[in-house]
Amino acid sequence: MTEKLQTLMAGRWRDASGPAYATEYPHDSSTVATLHAATAADVDEAVQVAEAARKKANWAGLKRHERAAILHRIAGGIRSRGEELAQLQRLDNGKPINETRALVASAAGTFQFFAAACETWEETLTPARGDYFTMSVNEPLGVVGAITPWNSPIASEAQKLAPALAAGCAVVFKPAEITPRMAIELARIAQEAGVPDGIISVLPGKGSVVGDALVRHPLVKRIAFTGGTNVGLAIQRLAAEKLMPTSLELGGKSPTIVCADADLDHAVKGVLFGIFSSSGESCIAGSRAFVHASVYNEFKRRLLDGVKALRVGDPSSERTQMGPLVNRGHRSTVEDFVALGLQEGGHLLTGGARPQGAMYDKGSYYLPTVFEGLPNSARLCQEEVFGPVLVLLPWTDEADLVAQCNDSVFGLASGIWTRDYKAAWRIGRALETGTVWVNTYKLFSVSTPFGGVKQSGTGREKGRLGILEYTAQKSFYWGLNEAPLPWAD
């Protein structure tokens, strides 16, 4: 049964004023929900209402422990609806149910963490250097825009909403057009937890309409964006015209390194998880596997056995490891990359096709795919596929290995599999990435900052200081001198 959705916009639950559209379940392309897209006029109204709402006593006047209490209630609201939210996200983007449950739990944990960070956040008394004392305080920026992707909506949205609310900001959300549900449900939970009307708005629709208007709006003081690099670069250019701060978590082409002394049982399963979980639709997917020549053949044999054993299928099944891609259009993009790899001379070891069977016919499924025989300079090794495609590359020399790993416009994440802690430290420090996993992969903690370098983005999310990204620093000088300032004597 198709559900008709409304959104929380400018303090009221209602339809946006743009055209109606439908969202689809990637498993079978059935229509899940219908809703209206927002317009530039909706953006202006939401921002204007947010600017007025944030200045009221029931938000600007709250003590930090009072805002923290609201964030704790949001965390509780997410947990109380945990299974329902997990099932809704499964329908939104086709992720397997075990994965969506983990994302919902992560979102609740994010609000809990930032509630604690908010309540224990201290201002700074800086060392005096004269007859005065000095202190630094942080004040909320105002209205901020949050633009989130379709691959892990509830977790991405929590990572932006929780610190922004903790800082005392108002938030206007632009969720991905095809996966608006989690932002709408988070807004509902936040409203029930006590966030005042107008502080949160959710504006579904096209990035070229809603996102563009949000970035350009003069009252929007910050943009937090997770998504593709090309869109991120466009946002940065627009933000520069306003001198507006941004945090941009963009694309990746993450290397995973298997050393000669690696525990291959761990390394094989870690590489499989790093690239094929989430069907490869992950910015930190370990899509380039550099394997030492001395263990290359054995690693490849075990990896291919592991790939062939992966369970691709219905996201509602708890046995499923890989669900469908988000839609058929994106599957076509992945297929184009596989064709490109073949044109470039790559040897297809497994996959490279749609799975066969009645269960897969209506969905946007694609098999886990592994290539070898390509140089790191090949486009398949340089461009983000955002799908279940892995390239194996042998290595022998550590300096050349590091050079190849760093020979990328991206720098989001990396992995190292070795028993040698000194080698892990040495290689990890040499890699130009924002995150390094050692003998594990794709694990996250809300207490640890996350972000990229180069064209993988700027700024950091998570971590205790993540609140400060949504504030402006102000310095106070308090004169203690007994005599007037001497200059005018």
Protein backbone atom coordinates (compact mmCIF):
# COMPACT_ATOMS: atom_id res chain seq x y z
CA MET A 1 0.00 0.00 0.00
CA THR A 2 1.41 3.37 -1.05
CA GLU A 3 1.69 5.93 1.74
CA LYS A 4 1.06 9.64 1.28
CA LEU A 5 3.75 11.63 3.10
CA GLN A 6 3.72 15.18 4.33
CA THR A 7 6.75 17.00 5.67
CA LEU A 8 7.52 19.32 8.58
CA MET A 9 8.15 22.66 6.94
CA ALA A 10 8.27 26.12 8.51
CA GLY A 11 6.63 24.87 11.68
CA ARG A 12 3.73 22.92 10.11
CA TRP A 13 3.10 19.43 8.76
CA ARG A 14 1.96 19.87 5.18
CA ASP A 15 2.68 19.24 1.51
CA ALA A 16 5.54 21.11 -0.06
CA SER A 17 4.43 23.35 -2.92
CA GLY A 18 6.23 21.59 -5.78
CA PRO A 19 5.13 18.68 -7.97
CA ALA A 20 4.19 15.29 -6.53
CA TYR A 21 6.57 12.37 -6.98
CA ALA A 22 6.96 8.78 -5.77
CA THR A 23 9.67 6.81 -4.00
CA GLU A 24 10.35 3.18 -4.91
CA TYR A 25 11.53 0.06 -3.11
CA PRO A 26 14.73 -1.05 -4.90
CA HIS A 27 13.95 -4.73 -4.31
CA ASP A 28 10.99 -4.81 -6.68
CA SER A 29 10.55 -1.21 -7.93
CA SER A 30 7.17 -0.96 -6.21
CA THR A 31 5.95 2.47 -5.12
CA VAL A 32 6.46 3.01 -1.39
CA ALA A 33 5.28 6.57 -0.86
CA THR A 34 4.20 9.72 -2.64
CA LEU A 35 4.98 13.27 -1.57
CA HIS A 36 5.50 16.75 -2.96
CA ALA A 37 8.86 18.24 -3.79
CA ALA A 38 9.86 21.55 -2.26
CA THR A 39 10.51 24.74 -4.22
CA ALA A 40 12.83 27.71 -3.80
CA ALA A 41 9.89 29.59 -2.25
CA ASP A 42 9.52 26.80 0.32
CA VAL A 43 13.20 27.14 1.16
CA ASP A 44 12.85 30.86 1.74
CA GLU A 45 9.82 30.39 3.97
CA ALA A 46 11.48 27.63 6.01
CA VAL A 47 14.65 29.66 6.51
CA GLN A 48 12.76 32.81 7.48
CA VAL A 49 10.67 30.89 10.03
CA ALA A 50 13.79 29.14 11.36
CA GLU A 51 15.57 32.47 11.81
CA ALA A 52 12.67 33.79 13.87
CA ALA A 53 12.25 30.55 15.85
CA ARG A 54 15.87 30.26 16.89
CA LYS A 55 15.80 33.69 18.55
CA LYS A 56 12.87 32.86 20.83
CA ALA A 57 13.30 32.17 24.52
CA ASN A 58 12.28 28.54 24.11
CA TRP A 59 15.42 27.93 22.04
CA ALA A 60 17.98 30.74 22.30
CA GLY A 61 17.13 31.09 25.98
CA LEU A 62 17.63 27.45 26.90
CA LYS A 63 20.49 26.43 29.15
CA ARG A 64 22.74 23.80 27.67
CA HIS A 65 21.52 21.10 30.04
CA GLU A 66 17.97 21.90 28.89
CA ARG A 67 18.93 21.40 25.22
CA ALA A 68 20.79 18.24 26.26
CA ALA A 69 17.60 16.89 27.82
CA ILE A 70 15.81 17.32 24.50
CA LEU A 71 18.60 15.47 22.67
CA HIS A 72 18.35 12.63 25.18
CA ARG A 73 14.62 12.42 24.49
CA ILE A 74 15.30 12.29 20.74
CA ALA A 75 17.67 9.36 21.32
CA GLY A 76 14.96 7.64 23.35
CA GLY A 77 12.37 8.33 20.67
CA ILE A 78 14.57 6.73 18.02
CA ARG A 79 15.12 3.65 20.18
CA SER A 80 11.43 3.30 20.99
CA ARG A 81 10.66 3.16 17.26
CA GLY A 82 13.83 1.30 16.32
CA GLU A 83 12.39 -1.65 14.41
CA GLU A 84 9.80 0.49 12.63
CA LEU A 85 12.49 2.97 11.51
CA ALA A 86 14.76 0.15 10.34
CA GLN A 87 11.97 -1.31 8.20
CA LEU A 88 11.13 2.11 6.77
CA GLN A 89 14.75 2.74 5.79
CA ARG A 90 14.89 -0.72 4.18
CA LEU A 91 11.98 0.32 1.98
CA ASP A 92 13.58 3.71 1.32
CA ASN A 93 16.89 2.52 -0.12
CA GLY A 94 16.94 -1.27 -0.18
CA LYS A 95 19.60 -1.88 2.46
CA PRO A 96 19.43 -5.27 4.21
CA ILE A 97 17.43 -5.14 7.43
CA ASN A 98 20.39 -5.97 9.68
CA GLU A 99 22.24 -3.00 8.27
CA THR A 100 19.34 -0.59 8.67
CA ARG A 101 18.94 -1.72 12.30
CA ALA A 102 22.57 -0.85 12.90
CA LEU A 103 22.12 2.57 11.29
CA VAL A 104 19.11 3.34 13.47
CA ALA A 105 21.05 2.34 16.58
CA SER A 106 23.92 4.55 15.42
CA ALA A 107 21.58 7.53 15.04
CA ALA A 108 20.27 7.07 18.59
CA GLY A 109 23.83 6.85 19.88
CA THR A 110 24.76 10.03 18.05
CA PHE A 111 22.03 12.02 19.81
CA GLN A 112 22.99 10.50 23.15
CA PHE A 113 26.66 11.42 22.63
CA PHE A 114 25.95 15.02 21.64
CA ALA A 115 23.51 15.40 24.51
CA ALA A 116 26.36 14.53 26.87
CA ALA A 117 28.79 16.75 24.95
CA CYS A 118 26.32 19.63 25.09
CA GLU A 119 25.75 19.39 28.84
CA THR A 120 29.48 19.16 29.66
CA TRP A 121 30.68 21.73 27.09
CA GLU A 122 32.84 24.36 28.79
CA GLU A 123 33.96 27.81 27.71
CA THR A 124 37.65 28.66 27.83
CA LEU A 125 39.42 31.05 30.20
CA THR A 126 42.56 31.95 28.27
CA PRO A 127 45.88 32.94 29.91
CA ALA A 128 46.05 36.70 30.68
CA ARG A 129 48.98 38.69 29.31
CA GLY A 130 48.33 41.99 31.04
CA ASP A 131 46.01 43.81 33.42
CA TYR A 132 42.95 41.98 32.12
CA PHE A 133 41.56 38.50 31.91
CA THR A 134 40.40 36.91 28.69
CA MET A 135 37.86 34.27 27.80
CA SER A 136 36.55 32.61 24.68
CA VAL A 137 32.89 31.72 24.17
CA ASN A 138 31.10 29.98 21.31
CA GLU A 139 27.71 31.11 20.06
CA PRO A 140 25.35 29.33 17.63
CA LEU A 141 25.81 30.30 14.01
CA GLY A 142 22.06 30.59 13.38
CA VAL A 143 20.21 28.76 10.61
CA VAL A 144 22.25 25.97 9.04
CA GLY A 145 21.54 23.80 6.02
CA ALA A 146 22.02 20.02 6.02
CA ILE A 147 22.13 18.13 2.72
CA THR A 148 22.21 14.35 3.08
CA PRO A 149 22.69 11.34 0.76
CA TRP A 150 20.57 8.30 -0.06
CA ASN A 151 22.97 5.56 1.00
CA SER A 152 22.70 5.85 4.82
CA PRO A 153 20.10 8.53 5.54
CA ILE A 154 19.31 8.24 9.23
CA ALA A 155 22.94 8.03 10.32
CA SER A 156 24.04 10.92 8.08
CA GLU A 157 21.14 13.05 9.21
CA ALA A 158 21.78 12.39 12.89
CA GLN A 159 25.43 13.34 12.46
CA LYS A 160 24.33 16.78 11.27
CA LEU A 161 21.18 17.39 13.29
CA ALA A 162 22.48 16.37 16.73
CA PRO A 163 25.51 18.72 16.95
CA ALA A 164 23.60 21.56 15.29
CA LEU A 165 20.79 21.31 17.85
CA ALA A 166 23.32 20.96 20.65
CA ALA A 167 24.94 24.20 19.52
CA GLY A 168 21.59 26.00 19.53
CA CYS A 169 21.14 26.31 15.78
CA ALA A 170 18.04 25.84 13.62
CA VAL A 171 18.32 23.26 10.82
CA VAL A 172 16.79 23.14 7.35
CA PHE A 173 17.22 19.66 5.85
CA LYS A 174 17.45 18.74 2.20
CA PRO A 175 17.39 14.92 2.17
CA ALA A 176 18.15 12.99 -0.98
CA GLU A 177 15.17 13.19 -3.31
CA ILE A 178 14.75 9.41 -3.50
CA THR A 179 15.15 8.73 0.26
CA PRO A 180 13.29 11.46 2.19
CA ARG A 181 11.64 9.27 4.82
CA MET A 182 14.28 9.19 7.56
CA ALA A 183 14.66 12.98 7.71
CA ILE A 184 10.88 13.32 7.97
CA GLU A 185 10.71 10.76 10.79
CA LEU A 186 13.64 12.36 12.65
CA ALA A 187 11.84 15.70 12.48
CA ARG A 188 8.71 14.06 13.92
CA ILE A 189 10.67 12.50 16.78
CA ALA A 190 12.48 15.78 17.47
CA GLN A 191 9.20 17.70 17.58
CA GLU A 192 7.72 15.16 20.00
CA ALA A 193 10.87 15.45 22.14
CA GLY A 194 10.37 19.18 22.57
CA VAL A 195 12.23 20.90 19.74
CA PRO A 196 10.18 24.08 19.10
CA ASP A 197 8.22 24.52 15.88
CA GLY A 198 10.27 26.11 13.12
CA ILE A 199 13.65 24.93 14.40
CA ILE A 200 13.64 21.94 12.02
CA SER A 201 12.30 21.86 8.47
CA VAL A 202 12.60 19.01 5.97
CA LEU A 203 12.47 19.98 2.29
CA PRO A 204 12.53 16.97 -0.06
CA GLY A 205 13.22 17.47 -3.74
CA LYS A 206 15.91 18.00 -6.32
CA GLY A 207 19.32 19.28 -5.29
CA SER A 208 19.36 21.63 -8.26
CA VAL A 209 16.27 23.36 -6.85
CA VAL A 210 16.16 22.91 -3.08
CA GLY A 211 19.86 22.48 -2.40
CA ASP A 212 20.84 25.39 -4.60
CA ALA A 213 18.32 27.73 -2.94
CA LEU A 214 19.44 26.59 0.51
CA VAL A 215 23.13 27.21 -0.17
CA ARG A 216 22.45 30.62 -1.70
CA HIS A 217 20.05 31.90 0.99
CA PRO A 218 21.60 34.88 2.83
CA LEU A 219 20.28 33.76 6.24
CA VAL A 220 21.87 30.30 6.01
CA LYS A 221 25.16 30.49 7.88
CA ARG A 222 26.60 27.04 7.29
CA ILE A 223 26.15 24.03 5.02
CA ALA A 224 26.86 20.44 6.09
CA PHE A 225 26.88 18.20 3.03
CA THR A 226 27.47 14.51 2.42
CA GLY A 227 27.43 13.38 -1.18
CA GLY A 228 29.29 13.44 -4.48
CA THR A 229 32.46 15.41 -5.09
CA ASN A 230 31.14 17.39 -8.07
CA VAL A 231 28.16 18.65 -6.05
CA GLY A 232 30.44 19.38 -3.12
CA LEU A 233 32.73 21.49 -5.29
CA ALA A 234 29.72 23.46 -6.55
CA ILE A 235 28.56 24.06 -2.97
CA GLN A 236 32.03 25.25 -1.99
CA ARG A 237 32.10 27.75 -4.84
CA LEU A 238 28.71 29.18 -3.82
CA ALA A 239 29.71 29.21 -0.15
CA ALA A 240 32.84 31.19 -1.00
CA GLU A 241 30.69 34.02 -2.32
CA LYS A 242 29.11 34.31 1.16
CA LEU A 243 32.28 33.46 3.13
CA MET A 244 30.14 30.69 4.61
CA PRO A 245 31.75 27.73 6.40
CA THR A 246 31.02 24.24 5.16
CA SER A 247 31.72 20.64 6.05
CA LEU A 248 31.87 18.48 2.94
CA GLU A 249 32.08 14.70 3.17
CA LEU A 250 32.55 13.69 -0.45
CA GLY A 251 33.68 10.77 -2.59
CA GLY A 252 36.37 8.19 -2.11
CA LYS A 253 38.47 5.56 -3.82
CA SER A 254 39.82 3.99 -0.68
CA PRO A 255 42.82 1.64 -0.76
CA THR A 256 43.10 -1.44 1.43
CA ILE A 257 46.59 -2.87 1.84
CA VAL A 258 47.28 -6.54 2.51
CA CYS A 259 50.86 -7.03 3.71
CA ALA A 260 52.90 -10.21 3.36
CA ASP A 261 52.46 -11.06 7.05
CA ALA A 262 48.70 -10.36 7.19
CA ASP A 263 46.33 -12.82 8.81
CA LEU A 264 44.58 -13.80 5.59
CA ASP A 265 41.44 -15.04 7.33
CA HIS A 266 40.94 -11.57 8.79
CA ALA A 267 42.11 -9.74 5.68
CA VAL A 268 39.85 -11.61 3.26
CA LYS A 269 36.73 -11.13 5.37
CA GLY A 270 37.67 -7.52 6.07
CA VAL A 271 38.14 -6.71 2.38
CA LEU A 272 34.85 -8.43 1.53
CA PHE A 273 33.05 -6.37 4.17
CA GLY A 274 34.82 -3.18 3.16
CA ILE A 275 33.70 -3.25 -0.45
CA PHE A 276 30.57 -5.41 -0.68
CA SER A 277 28.60 -4.46 2.42
CA SER A 278 26.04 -1.79 1.55
CA SER A 279 26.36 -3.19 -2.01
CA GLY A 280 29.43 -0.99 -2.37
CA GLU A 281 27.26 2.14 -2.10
CA SER A 282 29.53 3.72 0.47
CA CYS A 283 31.93 6.63 0.30
CA ILE A 284 34.54 4.69 2.30
CA ALA A 285 34.21 1.44 0.31
CA GLY A 286 37.59 -0.25 0.01
CA SER A 287 37.51 -0.45 -3.75
CA ARG A 288 41.27 -0.79 -4.42
CA ALA A 289 42.92 -3.82 -2.77
CA PHE A 290 46.74 -3.71 -2.89
CA VAL A 291 47.91 -7.24 -2.07
CA HIS A 292 51.55 -8.20 -1.52
CA ALA A 293 52.82 -10.36 -4.38
CA SER A 294 53.93 -13.13 -2.02
CA VAL A 295 50.36 -13.77 -0.85
CA TYR A 296 48.49 -12.46 -3.89
CA ASN A 297 47.40 -15.80 -5.37
CA GLU A 298 46.34 -17.29 -2.04
CA PHE A 299 44.48 -14.12 -1.08
CA LYS A 300 42.74 -14.04 -4.48
CA ARG A 301 41.67 -17.67 -4.18
CA ARG A 302 40.17 -17.14 -0.73
CA LEU A 303 38.58 -13.83 -1.73
CA LEU A 304 36.84 -15.31 -4.76
CA ASP A 305 35.54 -18.20 -2.66
CA GLY A 306 34.17 -15.61 -0.24
CA VAL A 307 32.55 -13.55 -3.00
CA LYS A 308 30.77 -16.56 -4.44
CA ALA A 309 29.38 -17.40 -0.99
CA LEU A 310 27.88 -13.95 -0.41
CA ARG A 311 24.10 -13.98 -0.08
CA VAL A 312 22.56 -11.47 -2.48
CA GLY A 313 18.84 -11.07 -2.14
CA ASP A 314 15.73 -9.73 -0.44
CA PRO A 315 16.62 -6.94 2.03
CA SER A 316 13.85 -8.07 4.39
CA SER A 317 15.66 -11.36 5.04
CA GLU A 318 18.06 -11.44 7.98
CA ARG A 319 20.28 -13.79 5.98
CA THR A 320 20.86 -11.28 3.20
CA GLN A 321 24.33 -9.71 3.03
CA MET A 322 23.91 -7.70 -0.18
CA GLY A 323 20.67 -6.09 -1.27
CA PRO A 324 19.89 -4.28 -4.52
CA LEU A 325 21.48 -1.07 -5.70
CA VAL A 326 19.40 2.01 -4.97
CA ASN A 327 17.68 2.10 -8.38
CA ARG A 328 18.03 0.94 -11.96
CA GLY A 329 19.60 4.17 -13.09
CA HIS A 330 22.43 3.76 -10.63
CA ARG A 331 22.83 0.12 -11.65
CA SER A 332 23.32 1.29 -15.23
CA THR A 333 26.09 3.59 -14.03
CA VAL A 334 27.82 0.67 -12.30
CA GLU A 335 27.44 -1.45 -15.44
CA ASP A 336 29.07 1.32 -17.47
CA PHE A 337 32.07 1.26 -15.12
CA VAL A 338 32.38 -2.52 -15.49
CA ALA A 339 32.32 -2.15 -19.28
CA LEU A 340 34.99 0.53 -18.96
CA GLY A 341 37.18 -1.81 -16.90
CA LEU A 342 36.95 -4.43 -19.64
CA GLN A 343 37.76 -1.85 -22.32
CA GLU A 344 40.82 -0.82 -20.34
CA GLY A 345 42.11 -4.41 -20.42
CA GLY A 346 40.99 -5.59 -17.02
CA HIS A 347 40.39 -9.28 -16.35
CA LEU A 348 36.97 -9.93 -14.82
CA LEU A 349 37.40 -12.60 -12.12
CA THR A 350 33.78 -12.80 -10.96
CA GLY A 351 30.50 -10.91 -11.18
CA GLY A 352 30.06 -8.21 -13.78
CA ALA A 353 26.41 -9.10 -14.36
CA ARG A 354 22.92 -9.01 -12.93
CA PRO A 355 21.91 -12.05 -10.87
CA GLN A 356 19.52 -14.44 -12.54
CA GLY A 357 16.19 -15.56 -11.09
CA ALA A 358 12.64 -14.39 -10.61
CA MET A 359 13.45 -12.73 -7.27
CA TYR A 360 15.83 -10.32 -8.98
CA ASP A 361 13.88 -9.44 -12.11
CA LYS A 362 11.97 -6.43 -10.80
CA GLY A 363 14.74 -4.99 -8.66
CA SER A 364 18.05 -3.26 -9.29
CA TYR A 365 20.39 -6.06 -8.27
CA TYR A 366 24.02 -6.46 -9.33
CA LEU A 367 26.52 -9.18 -8.47
CA PRO A 368 29.69 -8.49 -6.46
CA THR A 369 32.43 -7.93 -9.01
CA VAL A 370 36.22 -8.36 -8.90
CA PHE A 371 38.80 -7.24 -11.46
CA GLU A 372 42.53 -7.73 -11.77
CA GLY A 373 45.12 -6.84 -14.40
CA LEU A 374 44.58 -3.08 -14.33
CA PRO A 375 47.18 -0.45 -13.46
CA ASN A 376 46.38 2.02 -10.70
CA SER A 377 46.23 4.70 -13.41
CA ALA A 378 43.17 3.04 -15.03
CA ARG A 379 39.93 4.99 -14.74
CA LEU A 380 38.33 2.09 -12.87
CA CYS A 381 41.04 2.56 -10.22
CA GLN A 382 40.74 6.34 -10.16
CA GLU A 383 37.01 7.12 -10.38
CA GLU A 384 34.41 6.38 -7.73
CA VAL A 385 32.04 3.61 -8.86
CA PHE A 386 29.85 3.67 -5.73
CA GLY A 387 28.95 0.06 -6.31
CA PRO A 388 30.17 -3.50 -5.62
CA VAL A 389 33.28 -3.41 -7.80
CA LEU A 390 36.76 -4.28 -6.45
CA VAL A 391 40.11 -4.10 -8.24
CA LEU A 392 43.03 -6.26 -7.05
CA LEU A 393 46.51 -4.79 -7.48
CA PRO A 394 49.73 -6.65 -6.49
CA TRP A 395 52.61 -4.80 -4.81
CA THR A 396 56.17 -5.54 -3.67
CA ASP A 397 57.86 -2.24 -2.75
CA GLU A 398 56.48 -0.21 0.18
CA ALA A 399 57.48 3.20 -1.20
CA ASP A 400 55.82 2.41 -4.53
CA LEU A 401 52.77 1.08 -2.69
CA VAL A 402 52.31 4.31 -0.75
CA ALA A 403 52.81 6.35 -3.92
CA GLN A 404 50.12 4.35 -5.73
CA CYS A 405 47.68 4.59 -2.82
CA ASN A 406 48.17 8.35 -2.70
CA ASP A 407 47.93 8.71 -6.48
CA SER A 408 44.26 9.67 -6.31
CA VAL A 409 42.24 12.87 -6.17
CA PHE A 410 40.45 11.30 -3.19
CA GLY A 411 41.62 10.85 0.38
CA LEU A 412 38.79 9.63 2.56
CA ALA A 413 39.79 6.31 4.12
CA SER A 414 42.23 3.40 3.93
CA GLY A 415 42.88 0.01 5.49
CA ILE A 416 46.03 -1.93 6.42
CA TRP A 417 46.22 -5.63 7.20
CA THR A 418 49.46 -6.63 8.93
CA ARG A 419 50.84 -8.18 12.13
CA ASP A 420 53.66 -5.60 12.21
CA TYR A 421 52.50 -2.63 14.30
CA LYS A 422 55.51 -0.57 13.24
CA ALA A 423 54.71 -1.11 9.56
CA ALA A 424 51.07 -0.23 10.21
CA TRP A 425 52.10 3.02 11.89
CA ARG A 426 54.66 3.87 9.20
CA ILE A 427 52.35 3.19 6.26
CA GLY A 428 49.31 4.68 7.96
CA ARG A 429 51.08 7.96 8.63
CA ALA A 430 52.22 8.10 4.99
CA LEU A 431 48.74 7.58 3.55
CA GLU A 432 46.86 10.73 2.55
CA THR A 433 43.49 9.83 4.02
CA GLY A 434 41.28 11.10 6.82
CA THR A 435 40.81 7.65 8.39
CA VAL A 436 43.11 4.63 8.62
CA TRP A 437 41.78 1.26 9.76
CA VAL A 438 44.34 -1.31 10.91
CA ASN A 439 43.29 -4.99 10.90
CA THR A 440 39.66 -3.92 10.65
CA TYR A 441 37.57 -1.86 8.27
CA LYS A 442 34.48 0.31 8.09
CA LEU A 443 34.04 0.66 11.83
CA PHE A 444 32.87 4.00 13.25
CA SER A 445 32.64 5.74 16.57
CA VAL A 446 30.67 8.94 17.11
CA SER A 447 33.38 10.02 19.53
CA THR A 448 36.05 9.99 16.79
CA PRO A 449 36.17 12.78 14.16
CA PHE A 450 35.52 11.73 10.56
CA GLY A 451 36.25 13.44 7.26
CA GLY A 452 38.53 13.48 4.26
CA VAL A 453 41.35 15.31 2.54
CA LYS A 454 41.87 16.35 -1.07
CA GLN A 455 38.64 15.97 -3.06
CA SER A 456 37.13 13.79 -0.37
CA GLY A 457 36.12 16.91 1.48
CA THR A 458 36.80 19.46 4.18
CA GLY A 459 35.86 19.76 7.83
CA ARG A 460 35.04 17.00 10.28
CA GLU A 461 31.90 15.45 11.72
CA LYS A 462 31.53 13.51 14.97
CA GLY A 463 33.79 13.90 17.96
CA ARG A 464 33.27 16.02 21.04
CA LEU A 465 34.32 19.16 19.20
CA GLY A 466 31.79 18.56 16.42
CA ILE A 467 29.48 21.01 18.17
CA LEU A 468 31.98 23.81 17.57
CA GLU A 469 31.53 23.42 13.81
CA TYR A 470 28.08 24.99 14.31
CA THR A 471 29.29 27.93 16.39
CA ALA A 472 31.14 31.21 16.00
CA GLN A 473 33.87 32.00 18.48
CA LYS A 474 33.76 35.26 20.39
CA SER A 475 36.53 36.62 22.64
CA PHE A 476 36.04 38.74 25.77
CA TYR A 477 38.64 40.99 27.38
CA TRP A 478 37.89 42.19 30.95
CA GLY A 479 40.03 45.11 32.06
CA LEU A 480 41.49 44.91 35.58
CA ASN A 481 43.72 47.99 35.42
CA GLU A 482 43.20 50.54 38.20
CA ALA A 483 44.34 53.55 36.13
CA PRO A 484 42.80 54.63 32.78
CA LEU A 485 44.46 53.48 29.59
CA PRO A 486 47.54 55.68 29.22
CA TRP A 487 47.42 56.42 25.49
CA ALA A 488 45.27 59.56 25.84
CA ASP A 489 47.42 61.04 28.62
